[in-house]
């Protein structure tokens, strides 16, 4: 007898969805150790793996000739992981624009859920994150279980929405 699994519903899930989920997000960082002070020491993510990748396969994967990367995977207690891509070669990447705003097309943010938003925000800023204009705000998005949030930028300019 054949059985059919019922498709779960919720944000991003529908019977005809082409994408079933996400396992990680990768971000380019200028200095892995500097980024670890924020993501690991201040926010509590743990290193789940590390490697150094280079060669033809990496060049094709990144569409960057001569790509030689230091890769560090970070995990929280649950959910997708964050992967740092530090380009050891080439080192000619451009930083995020200093005047990047949340409504710019280039803006991207990763949502990190925190038990204690004020503590997470204080730890992040002490480790080099900068608070985006607007600080904490009330958010009524029950689908994503966010009651309040604060948008910060990591030392490389990546947006982090710290949410409770």
N, C-alpha and C. Protein backbone atom coordinates (compact mmCIF):
# COMPACT_ATOMS: atom_id res chain seq x y z
N UNK A 1 0.84 -1.17 0.00
CA UNK A 1 0.00 0.00 0.00
C UNK A 1 0.89 1.24 0.00
N UNK A 2 0.61 2.18 -0.86
CA UNK A 2 1.37 3.41 -0.95
C UNK A 2 0.81 4.43 0.03
N UNK A 3 1.69 5.18 0.64
CA UNK A 3 1.25 6.24 1.54
C UNK A 3 1.77 7.56 1.00
N UNK A 4 1.04 8.61 1.27
CA UNK A 4 1.44 9.95 0.84
C UNK A 4 1.72 10.79 2.07
N UNK A 5 2.84 11.48 2.04
CA UNK A 5 3.13 12.42 3.13
C UNK A 5 2.40 13.71 2.85
N UNK A 6 1.82 14.24 3.88
CA UNK A 6 1.11 15.51 3.76
C UNK A 6 2.12 16.65 3.86
N UNK A 7 2.03 17.59 2.93
CA UNK A 7 2.91 18.75 2.92
C UNK A 7 2.61 19.63 4.12
N UNK A 8 3.64 20.03 4.86
CA UNK A 8 3.44 20.93 5.98
C UNK A 8 3.17 22.32 5.44
N UNK A 9 2.43 23.09 6.22
CA UNK A 9 2.18 24.47 5.82
C UNK A 9 2.95 25.40 6.73
N UNK A 10 3.04 26.64 6.36
CA UNK A 10 3.75 27.64 7.14
C UNK A 10 4.49 28.57 6.21
N UNK A 11 5.28 29.50 6.77
CA UNK A 11 5.99 30.45 5.93
C UNK A 11 6.87 29.73 4.91
N UNK A 12 6.71 30.09 3.65
CA UNK A 12 7.56 29.54 2.61
C UNK A 12 7.19 28.14 2.17
N UNK A 13 6.11 27.57 2.70
CA UNK A 13 5.74 26.20 2.32
C UNK A 13 4.37 26.20 1.65
N UNK A 14 4.33 25.63 0.48
CA UNK A 14 3.07 25.42 -0.20
C UNK A 14 3.20 24.13 -0.99
N UNK A 15 2.09 23.58 -1.37
CA UNK A 15 2.09 22.28 -2.05
C UNK A 15 2.94 22.29 -3.31
N UNK A 16 3.03 23.43 -3.99
CA UNK A 16 3.79 23.49 -5.23
C UNK A 16 5.14 24.19 -5.09
N UNK A 17 5.64 24.34 -3.87
CA UNK A 17 6.88 25.07 -3.65
C UNK A 17 8.05 24.39 -4.35
N UNK A 18 8.83 25.17 -5.07
CA UNK A 18 10.02 24.64 -5.75
C UNK A 18 11.18 24.47 -4.77
N UNK A 19 11.22 25.30 -3.75
CA UNK A 19 12.29 25.26 -2.76
C UNK A 19 11.72 24.72 -1.45
N UNK A 20 12.37 23.73 -0.90
CA UNK A 20 11.87 23.08 0.31
C UNK A 20 12.48 23.63 1.59
N UNK A 21 13.62 24.31 1.51
CA UNK A 21 14.23 24.85 2.71
C UNK A 21 15.57 25.47 2.42
N UNK A 22 16.25 25.87 3.48
CA UNK A 22 17.57 26.47 3.36
C UNK A 22 18.43 25.88 4.46
N UNK A 23 19.69 25.55 4.13
CA UNK A 23 20.53 24.98 5.17
C UNK A 23 21.56 25.96 5.69
N UNK A 24 21.93 27.00 4.91
CA UNK A 24 22.87 27.99 5.42
C UNK A 24 22.86 29.24 4.56
N UNK A 25 23.47 30.28 5.11
CA UNK A 25 23.72 31.49 4.36
C UNK A 25 25.21 31.76 4.45
N UNK A 26 25.81 32.15 3.34
CA UNK A 26 27.24 32.42 3.30
C UNK A 26 27.46 33.91 3.15
N UNK A 27 28.41 34.44 3.92
CA UNK A 27 28.73 35.86 3.84
C UNK A 27 30.24 36.03 3.71
N UNK A 28 30.65 36.96 2.87
CA UNK A 28 32.07 37.26 2.73
C UNK A 28 32.49 38.14 3.90
N UNK A 29 33.61 37.78 4.52
CA UNK A 29 34.14 38.56 5.65
C UNK A 29 35.56 38.97 5.33
N UNK A 30 35.97 40.12 5.84
CA UNK A 30 37.31 40.60 5.62
C UNK A 30 38.33 39.95 6.54
N UNK A 31 37.90 39.54 7.73
CA UNK A 31 38.80 38.98 8.73
C UNK A 31 37.99 38.01 9.61
N UNK A 32 38.24 36.73 9.46
CA UNK A 32 37.49 35.71 10.19
C UNK A 32 37.58 35.92 11.69
N UNK A 33 38.76 36.19 12.22
CA UNK A 33 38.92 36.36 13.67
C UNK A 33 38.09 37.52 14.19
N UNK A 34 38.07 38.63 13.47
CA UNK A 34 37.26 39.79 13.87
C UNK A 34 35.78 39.43 13.88
N UNK A 35 35.34 38.71 12.86
CA UNK A 35 33.94 38.31 12.78
C UNK A 35 33.57 37.32 13.88
N UNK A 36 34.51 36.44 14.23
CA UNK A 36 34.24 35.48 15.31
C UNK A 36 34.04 36.17 16.64
N UNK A 37 34.69 37.32 16.87
CA UNK A 37 34.48 38.05 18.12
C UNK A 37 33.02 38.47 18.27
N UNK A 38 32.36 38.75 17.17
CA UNK A 38 30.95 39.11 17.23
C UNK A 38 30.06 37.87 17.26
N UNK A 39 30.16 37.04 16.24
CA UNK A 39 29.23 35.93 16.06
C UNK A 39 29.43 34.82 17.10
N UNK A 40 30.66 34.53 17.48
CA UNK A 40 30.91 33.45 18.44
C UNK A 40 30.97 33.99 19.86
N UNK A 41 31.88 34.90 20.13
CA UNK A 41 32.09 35.36 21.51
C UNK A 41 30.90 36.17 22.03
N UNK A 42 30.36 37.08 21.23
CA UNK A 42 29.28 37.95 21.71
C UNK A 42 27.89 37.34 21.54
N UNK A 43 27.64 36.67 20.41
CA UNK A 43 26.30 36.16 20.14
C UNK A 43 26.14 34.68 20.45
N UNK A 44 27.23 33.97 20.71
CA UNK A 44 27.14 32.60 21.18
C UNK A 44 27.05 31.51 20.13
N UNK A 45 27.26 31.83 18.84
CA UNK A 45 27.28 30.77 17.85
C UNK A 45 28.55 29.94 18.04
N UNK A 46 28.49 28.68 17.67
CA UNK A 46 29.66 27.81 17.83
C UNK A 46 30.20 27.42 16.46
N UNK A 47 31.51 27.22 16.41
CA UNK A 47 32.13 26.78 15.16
C UNK A 47 31.75 25.32 14.92
N UNK A 48 31.16 25.05 13.77
CA UNK A 48 30.73 23.70 13.43
C UNK A 48 31.64 23.05 12.40
N UNK A 49 32.53 23.81 11.82
CA UNK A 49 33.44 23.26 10.82
C UNK A 49 34.27 24.37 10.20
N UNK A 50 35.39 23.98 9.64
CA UNK A 50 36.26 24.95 8.99
C UNK A 50 37.05 24.24 7.89
N UNK A 51 37.37 24.98 6.84
CA UNK A 51 38.18 24.42 5.76
C UNK A 51 38.85 25.55 4.99
N UNK A 52 39.78 25.17 4.15
CA UNK A 52 40.41 26.09 3.23
C UNK A 52 40.18 25.50 1.84
N UNK A 53 39.51 26.23 0.99
CA UNK A 53 39.14 25.71 -0.32
C UNK A 53 39.76 26.55 -1.43
N UNK A 54 40.24 25.87 -2.48
CA UNK A 54 40.81 26.54 -3.64
C UNK A 54 40.82 25.55 -4.79
N UNK A 55 41.16 26.05 -5.95
CA UNK A 55 41.25 25.21 -7.14
C UNK A 55 40.11 25.48 -8.11
N UNK A 56 40.13 24.72 -9.20
CA UNK A 56 39.18 24.92 -10.29
C UNK A 56 37.72 24.81 -9.83
N UNK A 57 37.43 23.81 -8.99
CA UNK A 57 36.06 23.63 -8.52
C UNK A 57 35.58 24.85 -7.73
N UNK A 58 36.44 25.38 -6.84
CA UNK A 58 36.07 26.56 -6.05
C UNK A 58 35.92 27.78 -6.95
N UNK A 59 36.78 27.92 -7.95
CA UNK A 59 36.68 29.03 -8.89
C UNK A 59 35.33 29.01 -9.61
N UNK A 60 34.89 27.83 -10.03
CA UNK A 60 33.61 27.71 -10.71
C UNK A 60 32.44 27.93 -9.74
N UNK A 61 32.56 27.44 -8.53
CA UNK A 61 31.50 27.61 -7.54
C UNK A 61 31.27 29.09 -7.22
N UNK A 62 32.35 29.85 -7.08
CA UNK A 62 32.25 31.26 -6.71
C UNK A 62 32.27 32.20 -7.91
N UNK A 63 32.56 31.68 -9.10
CA UNK A 63 32.71 32.51 -10.30
C UNK A 63 33.78 33.57 -10.09
N UNK A 64 34.87 33.18 -9.40
CA UNK A 64 35.99 34.08 -9.13
C UNK A 64 37.28 33.35 -9.48
N UNK A 65 38.00 33.85 -10.49
CA UNK A 65 39.25 33.24 -10.89
C UNK A 65 40.27 33.38 -9.76
N UNK A 66 40.96 32.31 -9.43
CA UNK A 66 41.97 32.33 -8.38
C UNK A 66 41.40 32.30 -6.97
N UNK A 67 40.14 31.93 -6.82
CA UNK A 67 39.51 31.92 -5.50
C UNK A 67 40.21 30.94 -4.55
N UNK A 68 40.60 31.45 -3.41
CA UNK A 68 41.22 30.67 -2.34
C UNK A 68 40.58 31.19 -1.06
N UNK A 69 39.78 30.35 -0.42
CA UNK A 69 38.95 30.81 0.70
C UNK A 69 39.24 30.08 2.00
N UNK A 70 39.12 30.81 3.09
CA UNK A 70 39.05 30.24 4.43
C UNK A 70 37.56 30.23 4.77
N UNK A 71 37.02 29.05 5.01
CA UNK A 71 35.59 28.90 5.26
C UNK A 71 35.38 28.45 6.70
N UNK A 72 34.48 29.13 7.40
CA UNK A 72 34.15 28.79 8.79
C UNK A 72 32.64 28.72 8.92
N UNK A 73 32.14 27.56 9.34
CA UNK A 73 30.70 27.37 9.54
C UNK A 73 30.36 27.58 11.00
N UNK A 74 29.30 28.36 11.26
CA UNK A 74 28.84 28.66 12.62
C UNK A 74 27.40 28.21 12.78
N UNK A 75 27.09 27.66 13.96
CA UNK A 75 25.74 27.18 14.23
C UNK A 75 25.23 27.75 15.53
N UNK A 76 23.93 27.91 15.59
CA UNK A 76 23.23 28.22 16.84
C UNK A 76 22.60 26.90 17.31
N UNK A 77 21.73 26.97 18.29
CA UNK A 77 21.08 25.77 18.80
C UNK A 77 20.18 25.09 17.79
N UNK A 78 19.62 25.87 16.85
CA UNK A 78 18.74 25.31 15.82
C UNK A 78 18.75 26.24 14.62
N UNK A 79 18.19 25.75 13.55
CA UNK A 79 18.06 26.56 12.34
C UNK A 79 19.27 26.46 11.42
N UNK A 80 19.22 27.23 10.32
CA UNK A 80 20.32 27.22 9.35
C UNK A 80 21.61 27.76 9.98
N UNK A 81 22.74 27.47 9.35
CA UNK A 81 23.99 27.98 9.86
C UNK A 81 24.47 29.15 9.02
N UNK A 82 25.46 29.87 9.54
CA UNK A 82 26.11 30.96 8.83
C UNK A 82 27.51 30.49 8.47
N UNK A 83 27.90 30.74 7.24
CA UNK A 83 29.21 30.33 6.77
C UNK A 83 30.00 31.57 6.38
N UNK A 84 31.15 31.78 7.02
CA UNK A 84 32.05 32.88 6.65
C UNK A 84 32.88 32.44 5.46
N UNK A 85 33.00 33.33 4.49
CA UNK A 85 33.90 33.13 3.35
C UNK A 85 34.92 34.24 3.40
N UNK A 86 36.13 33.94 3.87
CA UNK A 86 37.19 34.92 3.86
C UNK A 86 38.06 34.65 2.64
N UNK A 87 38.05 35.57 1.70
CA UNK A 87 38.85 35.41 0.49
C UNK A 87 40.30 35.70 0.81
N UNK A 88 41.11 34.65 0.82
CA UNK A 88 42.55 34.82 0.99
C UNK A 88 43.16 35.32 -0.31
N UNK A 89 42.50 34.93 -1.42
CA UNK A 89 42.89 35.38 -2.75
C UNK A 89 41.67 35.23 -3.65
N UNK A 90 41.36 36.16 -4.50
CA UNK A 90 41.90 37.51 -4.54
C UNK A 90 41.36 38.35 -3.37
N UNK A 91 42.05 39.41 -3.01
CA UNK A 91 41.66 40.27 -1.89
C UNK A 91 41.17 41.62 -2.41
N UNK A 92 40.55 41.64 -3.58
CA UNK A 92 40.13 42.91 -4.18
C UNK A 92 38.63 43.17 -4.06
N UNK A 93 37.96 42.46 -3.17
CA UNK A 93 36.53 42.67 -2.97
C UNK A 93 36.26 44.04 -2.36
N UNK A 94 35.08 44.57 -2.61
CA UNK A 94 34.71 45.88 -2.08
C UNK A 94 33.89 45.72 -0.81
N UNK A 95 34.07 46.60 0.16
CA UNK A 95 33.25 46.54 1.37
C UNK A 95 31.83 47.02 1.07
N UNK A 96 30.93 46.71 1.98
CA UNK A 96 29.56 47.22 1.85
C UNK A 96 29.62 48.75 1.93
N UNK A 97 28.79 49.44 1.17
CA UNK A 97 28.79 50.90 1.23
C UNK A 97 28.47 51.37 2.65
N UNK A 98 29.18 52.39 3.11
CA UNK A 98 28.99 52.92 4.47
C UNK A 98 27.59 53.50 4.66
N UNK A 99 26.97 53.95 3.58
CA UNK A 99 25.64 54.57 3.69
C UNK A 99 24.51 53.62 3.29
N UNK A 100 24.74 52.32 3.37
CA UNK A 100 23.73 51.32 3.02
C UNK A 100 22.58 51.36 4.03
N UNK A 101 21.35 51.40 3.54
CA UNK A 101 20.16 51.44 4.40
C UNK A 101 19.29 50.21 4.15
N UNK A 102 18.42 49.91 5.08
CA UNK A 102 17.58 48.72 5.01
C UNK A 102 16.67 48.71 3.79
N UNK A 103 16.37 49.87 3.21
CA UNK A 103 15.49 49.90 2.04
C UNK A 103 16.26 49.96 0.73
N UNK A 104 17.59 49.81 0.77
CA UNK A 104 18.40 49.76 -0.45
C UNK A 104 18.34 48.37 -1.06
N UNK A 105 18.44 48.30 -2.38
CA UNK A 105 18.40 47.01 -3.06
C UNK A 105 19.56 46.11 -2.64
N UNK A 106 20.69 46.67 -2.29
CA UNK A 106 21.86 45.88 -1.87
C UNK A 106 21.72 45.33 -0.46
N UNK A 107 20.79 45.84 0.31
CA UNK A 107 20.67 45.43 1.72
C UNK A 107 20.23 43.97 1.82
N UNK A 108 20.85 43.26 2.75
CA UNK A 108 20.48 41.90 3.07
C UNK A 108 20.62 41.75 4.57
N UNK A 109 19.75 41.03 5.20
CA UNK A 109 19.89 40.82 6.64
C UNK A 109 19.61 39.38 6.98
N UNK A 110 20.29 38.91 8.00
CA UNK A 110 20.09 37.58 8.53
C UNK A 110 19.40 37.74 9.87
N UNK A 111 18.34 36.98 10.10
CA UNK A 111 17.59 37.06 11.35
C UNK A 111 18.19 36.08 12.36
N UNK A 112 18.55 36.60 13.53
CA UNK A 112 19.05 35.78 14.63
C UNK A 112 18.09 35.96 15.81
N UNK A 113 17.50 34.87 16.27
CA UNK A 113 16.57 34.94 17.40
C UNK A 113 17.35 34.90 18.70
N UNK A 114 16.99 35.79 19.62
CA UNK A 114 17.67 35.90 20.91
C UNK A 114 16.64 35.76 22.04
N UNK A 115 17.06 35.14 23.13
CA UNK A 115 16.18 35.05 24.31
C UNK A 115 16.05 36.42 24.97
N UNK A 116 17.15 37.15 25.03
CA UNK A 116 17.22 38.43 25.73
C UNK A 116 17.75 39.47 24.74
N UNK A 117 16.84 40.20 24.10
CA UNK A 117 17.23 41.14 23.07
C UNK A 117 18.15 42.25 23.59
N UNK A 118 17.85 42.90 24.71
CA UNK A 118 18.78 43.94 25.19
C UNK A 118 20.19 43.40 25.45
N UNK A 119 20.29 42.21 26.00
CA UNK A 119 21.61 41.62 26.26
C UNK A 119 22.34 41.30 24.95
N UNK A 120 21.61 40.72 23.98
CA UNK A 120 22.22 40.40 22.68
C UNK A 120 22.67 41.68 21.99
N UNK A 121 21.87 42.72 22.06
CA UNK A 121 22.22 44.00 21.44
C UNK A 121 23.45 44.61 22.10
N UNK A 122 23.51 44.57 23.43
CA UNK A 122 24.67 45.11 24.15
C UNK A 122 25.93 44.32 23.83
N UNK A 123 25.82 43.00 23.79
CA UNK A 123 26.98 42.15 23.47
C UNK A 123 27.46 42.40 22.04
N UNK A 124 26.52 42.54 21.12
CA UNK A 124 26.87 42.75 19.72
C UNK A 124 27.59 44.08 19.53
N UNK A 125 27.07 45.14 20.14
CA UNK A 125 27.71 46.45 19.97
C UNK A 125 29.07 46.49 20.67
N UNK A 126 29.21 45.81 21.79
CA UNK A 126 30.51 45.75 22.47
C UNK A 126 31.54 45.02 21.62
N UNK A 127 31.09 44.12 20.75
CA UNK A 127 31.99 43.34 19.89
C UNK A 127 32.19 43.97 18.52
N UNK A 128 31.70 45.20 18.32
CA UNK A 128 31.98 45.89 17.07
C UNK A 128 30.81 46.07 16.12
N UNK A 129 29.63 45.54 16.46
CA UNK A 129 28.46 45.77 15.61
C UNK A 129 27.99 47.22 15.80
N UNK A 130 27.44 47.78 14.76
CA UNK A 130 26.88 49.13 14.86
C UNK A 130 25.37 49.05 14.72
N UNK A 131 24.68 49.85 15.49
CA UNK A 131 23.22 49.83 15.48
C UNK A 131 22.72 50.65 14.30
N UNK A 132 21.82 50.06 13.54
CA UNK A 132 21.21 50.76 12.42
C UNK A 132 20.20 51.77 12.96
N UNK A 133 19.89 52.81 12.22
CA UNK A 133 18.91 53.80 12.70
C UNK A 133 17.58 53.13 13.04
N UNK A 134 16.96 53.57 14.11
CA UNK A 134 15.67 53.04 14.51
C UNK A 134 15.76 52.14 15.72
N UNK A 135 16.95 51.68 16.07
CA UNK A 135 17.20 50.82 17.23
C UNK A 135 16.17 49.70 17.30
N UNK A 136 15.54 49.49 18.43
CA UNK A 136 14.58 48.40 18.59
C UNK A 136 13.19 48.90 18.19
N UNK A 137 12.43 48.01 17.63
CA UNK A 137 11.09 48.38 17.20
C UNK A 137 10.13 47.23 17.43
N UNK A 138 8.88 47.53 17.64
CA UNK A 138 7.87 46.49 17.80
C UNK A 138 7.56 45.90 16.43
N UNK A 139 7.51 44.61 16.34
CA UNK A 139 7.22 43.92 15.10
C UNK A 139 6.08 42.95 15.37
N UNK A 140 5.10 42.94 14.53
CA UNK A 140 3.98 42.03 14.73
C UNK A 140 3.95 41.01 13.60
N UNK A 141 4.93 40.15 13.56
CA UNK A 141 5.00 39.12 12.54
C UNK A 141 4.94 37.76 13.21
N UNK A 142 3.75 37.29 13.46
CA UNK A 142 3.56 36.02 14.17
C UNK A 142 4.10 34.84 13.37
N UNK A 143 4.08 34.91 12.05
CA UNK A 143 4.56 33.80 11.23
C UNK A 143 6.04 33.52 11.50
N UNK A 144 6.79 34.55 11.80
CA UNK A 144 8.22 34.37 12.08
C UNK A 144 8.55 34.49 13.56
N UNK A 145 7.55 34.54 14.40
CA UNK A 145 7.69 34.59 15.87
C UNK A 145 8.60 35.73 16.32
N UNK A 146 8.39 36.92 15.77
CA UNK A 146 9.17 38.09 16.15
C UNK A 146 8.25 39.08 16.85
N UNK A 147 8.61 39.42 18.09
CA UNK A 147 7.86 40.42 18.85
C UNK A 147 8.53 41.78 18.81
N UNK A 148 9.86 41.80 18.91
CA UNK A 148 10.62 43.03 18.78
C UNK A 148 11.97 42.70 18.19
N UNK A 149 12.60 43.70 17.60
CA UNK A 149 13.86 43.43 16.91
C UNK A 149 14.71 44.69 16.86
N UNK A 150 16.00 44.47 16.65
CA UNK A 150 16.94 45.58 16.45
C UNK A 150 17.84 45.19 15.28
N UNK A 151 18.05 46.12 14.38
CA UNK A 151 18.90 45.88 13.22
C UNK A 151 20.29 46.43 13.50
N UNK A 152 21.30 45.57 13.39
CA UNK A 152 22.68 45.98 13.56
C UNK A 152 23.46 45.57 12.32
N UNK A 153 24.63 46.18 12.16
CA UNK A 153 25.53 45.81 11.07
C UNK A 153 26.79 45.23 11.69
N UNK A 154 27.23 44.08 11.15
CA UNK A 154 28.47 43.49 11.65
C UNK A 154 29.66 44.32 11.13
N UNK A 155 30.88 44.00 11.54
CA UNK A 155 32.03 44.81 11.12
C UNK A 155 32.23 44.89 9.60
N UNK A 156 31.67 43.95 8.85
CA UNK A 156 31.77 44.00 7.39
C UNK A 156 30.57 44.66 6.73
N UNK A 157 29.61 45.12 7.54
CA UNK A 157 28.44 45.81 7.01
C UNK A 157 27.24 44.92 6.75
N UNK A 158 27.32 43.61 7.09
CA UNK A 158 26.17 42.72 6.90
C UNK A 158 25.11 43.02 7.94
N UNK A 159 23.85 43.09 7.50
CA UNK A 159 22.75 43.35 8.41
C UNK A 159 22.38 42.12 9.22
N UNK A 160 22.21 42.31 10.52
CA UNK A 160 21.74 41.26 11.42
C UNK A 160 20.50 41.79 12.13
N UNK A 161 19.38 41.13 11.95
CA UNK A 161 18.18 41.50 12.67
C UNK A 161 18.13 40.63 13.92
N UNK A 162 18.46 41.23 15.06
CA UNK A 162 18.39 40.52 16.33
C UNK A 162 16.95 40.59 16.77
N UNK A 163 16.32 39.44 16.95
CA UNK A 163 14.88 39.40 17.19
C UNK A 163 14.54 38.59 18.43
N UNK A 164 13.47 39.01 19.09
CA UNK A 164 12.91 38.25 20.22
C UNK A 164 11.46 37.97 19.92
